[in-house]
Amino acid sequence: MPPALDPMIGRYLRLEIDCVPHRLYFEEAGPANGIPLVCLHTAGADNRQFRHLLADPQVTKRFRVLAFDMPWHGKSTPPDGWEKSEYRLTTASYTAAIRAFCQTMELDRPVVMGCSIGGRIVLNLAIAHAAEFRALIALEAADFQQPWYDTAWLHRPDVHGGEVCAALISGLIAPQSPPVNRHETLWMYMQGGPGIFKGDLYFYRVDGDLREKVKVIDTKVCPLYLLTGEYDFSCTAEDTLRTASHIKGVEVQIMKELGHFPMSENPAKFREYILPVLDKIATQDRG
């Protein structure tokens, strides 16, 4: 194989989130003057889930794609003094991190696309901060899902947390997903920090209940797109359709042959669904 470089570039960004200094790692690709597209990874994972999107020339010819590792995830370091507290993601802290990244990077009304917990927080952006964004894309998202897992297993000294996380999410990958992509998705979960997946799920299970709140979303202020894989039993198609029924003007699609991690488990299939959405956003932006 001849040597080749992927197009994305990785950097560290120093910023304050809720007045606390952080150092976030992010990768980007695409023209500096492209439409900013910020991508949010799933619980316990990192921005590698979007590496195929970052390397897709059909996307990056118009969009400046940026994918950052949330604090405590991937290459982003925890804030100083992290050893004195337990990591626990909340709606407020998650929203603050996204807004701080966008503001520090001076992104002009970016598009934000998130998956799973990233999709749930996109709904909160639509509820509370819609005017700051030109479009919002929620993958595998609903206003609430009943927990189907026991988080007590996710941070114990006698259990390999990463392997348990990977085992927990393995069934959420569609059977049609290529084995290479399946195992790469699982590998990312095996590498999460101790207790981080559990801390993310606090937001998903407890603090991020958006039932009733989604009814105030105004898609005239900011277009909202919901896309969910048919094989996702964490956020089911029914969960997403129920949520969409409360949001006037939302565009919703159930993605065939995809599960809970569409951008990493089957990138080729996912682009069949996401490219038309991005085309529509780019066309509206020109208008």
Protein backbone atom coordinates (compact mmCIF):
# COMPACT_ATOMS: atom_id res chain seq x y z
CA MET A 1 0.00 0.00 0.00
CA PRO A 2 1.49 3.40 -0.99
CA PRO A 3 1.80 5.93 1.85
CA ALA A 4 -1.12 8.33 2.14
CA LEU A 5 -2.27 11.00 4.56
CA ASP A 6 -5.85 11.41 5.70
CA PRO A 7 -7.14 14.95 5.12
CA MET A 8 -8.19 15.78 8.69
CA ILE A 9 -5.93 17.79 10.99
CA GLY A 10 -5.94 17.41 14.78
CA ARG A 11 -5.30 20.22 17.27
CA TYR A 12 -5.81 21.12 20.91
CA LEU A 13 -8.04 24.02 21.93
CA ARG A 14 -7.70 25.76 25.29
CA LEU A 15 -10.98 27.23 26.49
CA GLU A 16 -13.12 27.77 29.55
CA ILE A 17 -16.31 25.80 30.14
CA ASP A 18 -18.41 27.24 32.95
CA CYS A 19 -15.35 29.25 34.06
CA VAL A 20 -13.20 26.09 34.34
CA PRO A 21 -10.11 25.82 32.06
CA HIS A 22 -10.18 22.84 29.68
CA ARG A 23 -7.98 21.46 26.92
CA LEU A 24 -10.06 19.87 24.17
CA TYR A 25 -8.77 17.82 21.27
CA PHE A 26 -10.53 18.19 17.93
CA GLU A 27 -10.05 17.25 14.30
CA GLU A 28 -11.24 19.19 11.29
CA ALA A 29 -11.34 18.94 7.53
CA GLY A 30 -12.75 21.08 4.77
CA PRO A 31 -12.37 24.72 3.68
CA ALA A 32 -11.96 27.39 6.36
CA ASN A 33 -14.87 29.30 4.81
CA GLY A 34 -17.09 26.22 4.53
CA ILE A 35 -20.33 25.79 6.43
CA PRO A 36 -19.23 24.73 9.94
CA LEU A 37 -20.47 21.27 10.89
CA VAL A 38 -19.76 20.25 14.50
CA CYS A 39 -20.02 16.52 15.22
CA LEU A 40 -20.74 15.05 18.67
CA HIS A 41 -19.72 11.49 19.49
CA THR A 42 -21.67 8.93 21.52
CA ALA A 43 -21.36 8.13 25.23
CA GLY A 44 -18.00 6.75 26.29
CA ALA A 45 -16.46 7.18 22.83
CA ASP A 46 -14.56 9.93 21.00
CA ASN A 47 -14.32 11.79 17.70
CA ARG A 48 -12.88 8.84 15.80
CA GLN A 49 -16.48 7.81 15.17
CA PHE A 50 -16.61 10.58 12.55
CA ARG A 51 -13.34 9.83 10.78
CA HIS A 52 -15.10 8.63 7.63
CA LEU A 53 -17.18 11.80 7.44
CA LEU A 54 -14.06 13.93 7.95
CA ALA A 55 -12.40 12.11 5.04
CA ASP A 56 -15.38 12.31 2.67
CA PRO A 57 -14.62 14.85 -0.10
CA GLN A 58 -18.29 15.11 -1.02
CA VAL A 59 -18.91 16.46 2.47
CA THR A 60 -15.80 18.56 2.95
CA LYS A 61 -16.06 20.38 -0.38
CA ARG A 62 -18.80 22.53 1.21
CA PHE A 63 -18.59 21.89 4.95
CA ARG A 64 -15.88 22.63 7.46
CA VAL A 65 -16.29 19.50 9.58
CA LEU A 66 -15.13 19.69 13.20
CA ALA A 67 -15.33 16.79 15.65
CA PHE A 68 -14.10 17.26 19.21
CA ASP A 69 -13.56 14.87 22.09
CA MET A 70 -15.75 15.83 25.02
CA PRO A 71 -13.92 16.61 28.27
CA TRP A 72 -12.70 13.36 29.87
CA HIS A 73 -12.99 11.55 26.50
CA GLY A 74 -10.42 10.49 23.92
CA LYS A 75 -7.48 12.89 23.79
CA SER A 76 -9.24 15.66 25.73
CA THR A 77 -7.79 15.84 29.22
CA PRO A 78 -10.00 16.13 32.30
CA PRO A 79 -9.89 19.48 34.11
CA ASP A 80 -7.27 19.95 36.82
CA GLY A 81 -8.30 18.26 40.05
CA TRP A 82 -10.35 15.59 38.27
CA GLU A 83 -9.11 12.96 40.70
CA LYS A 84 -11.12 14.57 43.51
CA SER A 85 -14.52 14.13 41.90
CA GLU A 86 -16.68 11.61 40.08
CA TYR A 87 -17.38 12.36 36.43
CA ARG A 88 -21.06 12.97 35.79
CA LEU A 89 -22.42 14.54 32.59
CA THR A 90 -25.48 16.79 32.90
CA THR A 91 -27.66 18.65 30.43
CA ALA A 92 -26.17 21.95 31.62
CA SER A 93 -22.52 20.86 31.45
CA TYR A 94 -22.96 19.18 28.06
CA THR A 95 -24.70 22.22 26.56
CA ALA A 96 -22.05 24.53 28.01
CA ALA A 97 -19.23 22.49 26.46
CA ILE A 98 -20.77 22.60 22.97
CA ARG A 99 -21.53 26.31 23.10
CA ALA A 100 -18.07 27.11 24.49
CA PHE A 101 -16.40 25.16 21.66
CA CYS A 102 -18.47 26.92 18.99
CA GLN A 103 -17.92 30.36 20.50
CA THR A 104 -14.20 29.90 21.10
CA MET A 105 -13.72 28.67 17.54
CA GLU A 106 -15.78 31.69 16.35
CA LEU A 107 -18.10 29.50 14.28
CA ASP A 108 -20.85 31.44 12.54
CA ARG A 109 -24.17 29.68 13.22
CA PRO A 110 -22.77 26.16 12.82
CA VAL A 111 -24.68 23.02 12.00
CA VAL A 112 -24.47 20.57 14.91
CA MET A 113 -24.87 16.82 14.41
CA GLY A 114 -24.78 14.47 17.38
CA CYS A 115 -25.42 10.77 17.89
CA SER A 116 -27.02 9.00 20.87
CA ILE A 117 -26.27 11.28 23.85
CA GLY A 118 -25.07 13.70 21.18
CA GLY A 119 -28.47 13.43 19.53
CA ARG A 120 -30.29 13.99 22.81
CA ILE A 121 -28.28 17.14 23.53
CA VAL A 122 -29.00 18.39 20.00
CA LEU A 123 -32.66 18.36 21.01
CA ASN A 124 -31.78 20.54 23.99
CA LEU A 125 -29.92 22.94 21.69
CA ALA A 126 -33.11 23.19 19.63
CA ILE A 127 -35.12 23.86 22.79
CA ALA A 128 -32.89 26.46 24.42
CA HIS A 129 -30.43 27.88 21.85
CA ALA A 130 -31.91 27.38 18.38
CA ALA A 131 -31.03 30.86 17.11
CA GLU A 132 -27.30 30.10 17.48
CA PHE A 133 -27.40 27.37 14.81
CA ARG A 134 -28.36 27.15 11.13
CA ALA A 135 -29.46 23.51 11.36
CA LEU A 136 -29.45 20.67 13.88
CA ILE A 137 -29.14 16.95 13.12
CA ALA A 138 -29.98 14.39 15.81
CA LEU A 139 -28.90 10.81 15.12
CA GLU A 140 -30.39 7.99 17.21
CA ALA A 141 -32.23 10.56 19.33
CA ALA A 142 -35.45 10.80 21.29
CA ASP A 143 -36.74 12.92 24.15
CA PHE A 144 -36.33 9.98 26.55
CA GLN A 145 -35.72 6.23 26.56
CA GLN A 146 -36.33 3.75 29.31
CA PRO A 147 -32.96 2.35 30.49
CA TRP A 148 -32.34 -1.26 29.48
CA TYR A 149 -28.91 -1.67 31.13
CA ASP A 150 -27.35 -1.78 34.60
CA THR A 151 -24.69 0.91 35.03
CA ALA A 152 -23.33 -0.70 38.22
CA TRP A 153 -21.18 -2.94 35.99
CA LEU A 154 -19.53 0.00 34.27
CA HIS A 155 -17.09 1.07 36.99
CA ARG A 156 -15.90 -1.80 39.21
CA PRO A 157 -12.37 -2.83 40.17
CA ASP A 158 -13.08 -6.51 39.39
CA VAL A 159 -14.47 -5.91 35.90
CA HIS A 160 -12.74 -4.64 32.75
CA GLY A 161 -14.85 -1.54 32.13
CA GLY A 162 -13.91 -1.14 28.48
CA GLU A 163 -14.77 -4.71 27.56
CA VAL A 164 -18.07 -4.48 29.43
CA CYS A 165 -18.92 -1.25 27.57
CA ALA A 166 -18.14 -2.88 24.23
CA ALA A 167 -20.18 -5.95 25.11
CA LEU A 168 -23.10 -3.78 26.21
CA ILE A 169 -23.28 -1.86 22.93
CA SER A 170 -22.35 -4.68 20.55
CA GLY A 171 -25.96 -5.70 19.96
CA LEU A 172 -26.84 -2.16 18.90
CA ILE A 173 -24.85 -2.55 15.68
CA ALA A 174 -26.90 -3.66 12.68
CA PRO A 175 -26.18 -7.17 11.36
CA GLN A 176 -25.47 -5.74 7.90
CA SER A 177 -22.57 -3.63 9.18
CA PRO A 178 -19.19 -4.70 7.77
CA PRO A 179 -17.12 -6.68 10.31
CA VAL A 180 -14.19 -4.27 10.07
CA ASN A 181 -16.37 -1.29 10.95
CA ARG A 182 -18.20 -3.26 13.65
CA HIS A 183 -14.99 -4.14 15.45
CA GLU A 184 -13.53 -0.66 15.05
CA THR A 185 -16.65 0.75 16.72
CA LEU A 186 -16.27 -1.74 19.58
CA TRP A 187 -12.56 -0.96 19.90
CA MET A 188 -13.32 2.70 20.56
CA TYR A 189 -15.56 1.67 23.45
CA MET A 190 -12.90 -0.61 24.92
CA GLN A 191 -10.59 2.39 25.36
CA GLY A 192 -12.77 4.74 27.39
CA GLY A 193 -11.57 6.10 30.72
CA PRO A 194 -12.69 4.49 33.99
CA GLY A 195 -16.26 5.45 34.81
CA ILE A 196 -16.70 7.74 31.82
CA PHE A 197 -19.38 5.69 30.05
CA LYS A 198 -21.24 5.44 33.35
CA GLY A 199 -20.94 9.21 33.87
CA ASP A 200 -22.29 9.90 30.38
CA LEU A 201 -25.26 7.66 31.01
CA TYR A 202 -26.26 9.78 34.00
CA PHE A 203 -27.24 12.41 31.44
CA TYR A 204 -28.95 9.80 29.26
CA ARG A 205 -30.83 8.00 32.06
CA VAL A 206 -31.56 10.69 34.62
CA ASP A 207 -30.77 14.31 33.82
CA GLY A 208 -31.61 14.46 30.11
CA ASP A 209 -35.34 13.78 30.20
CA LEU A 210 -36.75 16.16 27.57
CA ARG A 211 -40.33 14.89 27.48
CA GLU A 212 -42.76 17.80 27.22
CA LYS A 213 -39.85 20.19 26.63
CA VAL A 214 -39.48 19.26 22.94
CA LYS A 215 -42.93 20.70 22.26
CA VAL A 216 -41.48 24.23 22.34
CA ILE A 217 -39.01 23.55 19.50
CA ASP A 218 -39.56 25.96 16.61
CA THR A 219 -38.14 24.56 13.39
CA LYS A 220 -38.72 27.90 11.68
CA VAL A 221 -35.93 29.31 13.82
CA CYS A 222 -33.62 26.36 13.14
CA PRO A 223 -34.35 23.31 10.95
CA LEU A 224 -34.20 20.00 12.82
CA TYR A 225 -33.54 16.56 11.33
CA LEU A 226 -33.99 13.24 13.15
CA LEU A 227 -32.42 10.07 11.71
CA THR A 228 -32.52 6.72 13.51
CA GLY A 229 -31.34 3.25 12.50
CA GLU A 230 -33.96 0.52 12.26
CA TYR A 231 -31.83 -1.88 14.34
CA ASP A 232 -31.34 0.51 17.27
CA PHE A 233 -33.06 -0.93 20.34
CA SER A 234 -31.60 1.72 22.66
CA CYS A 235 -33.28 4.57 20.81
CA THR A 236 -35.89 2.72 18.79
CA ALA A 237 -37.57 3.96 15.66
CA GLU A 238 -40.74 4.24 17.74
CA ASP A 239 -38.94 6.46 20.27
CA THR A 240 -37.80 8.82 17.53
CA LEU A 241 -41.17 8.89 15.77
CA ARG A 242 -42.90 9.59 19.08
CA THR A 243 -40.56 12.51 19.68
CA ALA A 244 -41.06 13.82 16.15
CA SER A 245 -44.83 13.79 16.63
CA HIS A 246 -44.42 16.59 19.18
CA ILE A 247 -42.26 18.83 16.96
CA LYS A 248 -43.96 20.70 14.15
CA GLY A 249 -41.88 20.89 10.98
CA VAL A 250 -39.24 18.36 11.97
CA GLU A 251 -37.89 16.05 9.27
CA VAL A 252 -37.56 12.43 10.40
CA GLN A 253 -36.21 9.33 8.69
CA ILE A 254 -35.70 5.73 9.79
CA MET A 255 -32.47 4.42 8.28
CA LYS A 256 -32.57 0.90 6.87
CA GLU A 257 -29.73 -1.54 7.65
CA LEU A 258 -28.25 0.72 10.35
CA GLY A 259 -28.05 0.57 14.11
CA HIS A 260 -27.05 2.94 16.92
CA PHE A 261 -23.68 4.05 15.47
CA PRO A 262 -24.40 4.76 11.78
CA MET A 263 -21.38 6.98 11.07
CA SER A 264 -18.88 4.36 12.28
CA GLU A 265 -20.61 0.97 11.97
CA ASN A 266 -21.46 1.38 8.27
CA PRO A 267 -20.14 4.67 6.84
CA ALA A 268 -21.04 3.83 3.25
CA LYS A 269 -24.68 3.15 4.12
CA PHE A 270 -24.89 6.17 6.41
CA ARG A 271 -23.74 8.57 3.68
CA GLU A 272 -26.76 7.50 1.59
CA TYR A 273 -28.92 9.13 4.27
CA ILE A 274 -26.78 12.02 5.50
CA LEU A 275 -25.65 13.43 2.14
CA PRO A 276 -29.19 14.46 1.07
CA VAL A 277 -29.66 16.18 4.44
CA LEU A 278 -26.38 18.07 4.07
CA ASP A 279 -27.27 18.95 0.48
CA LYS A 280 -30.54 20.45 1.66
CA ILE A 281 -28.80 22.47 4.39
CA ALA A 282 -26.19 23.75 1.93
CA THR A 283 -28.88 24.71 -0.58
CA GLN A 284 -30.92 26.55 2.07
CA ASP A 285 -27.76 28.31 3.20
CA ARG A 286 -27.11 29.64 -0.29
CA GLY A 287 -30.70 30.86 -0.45
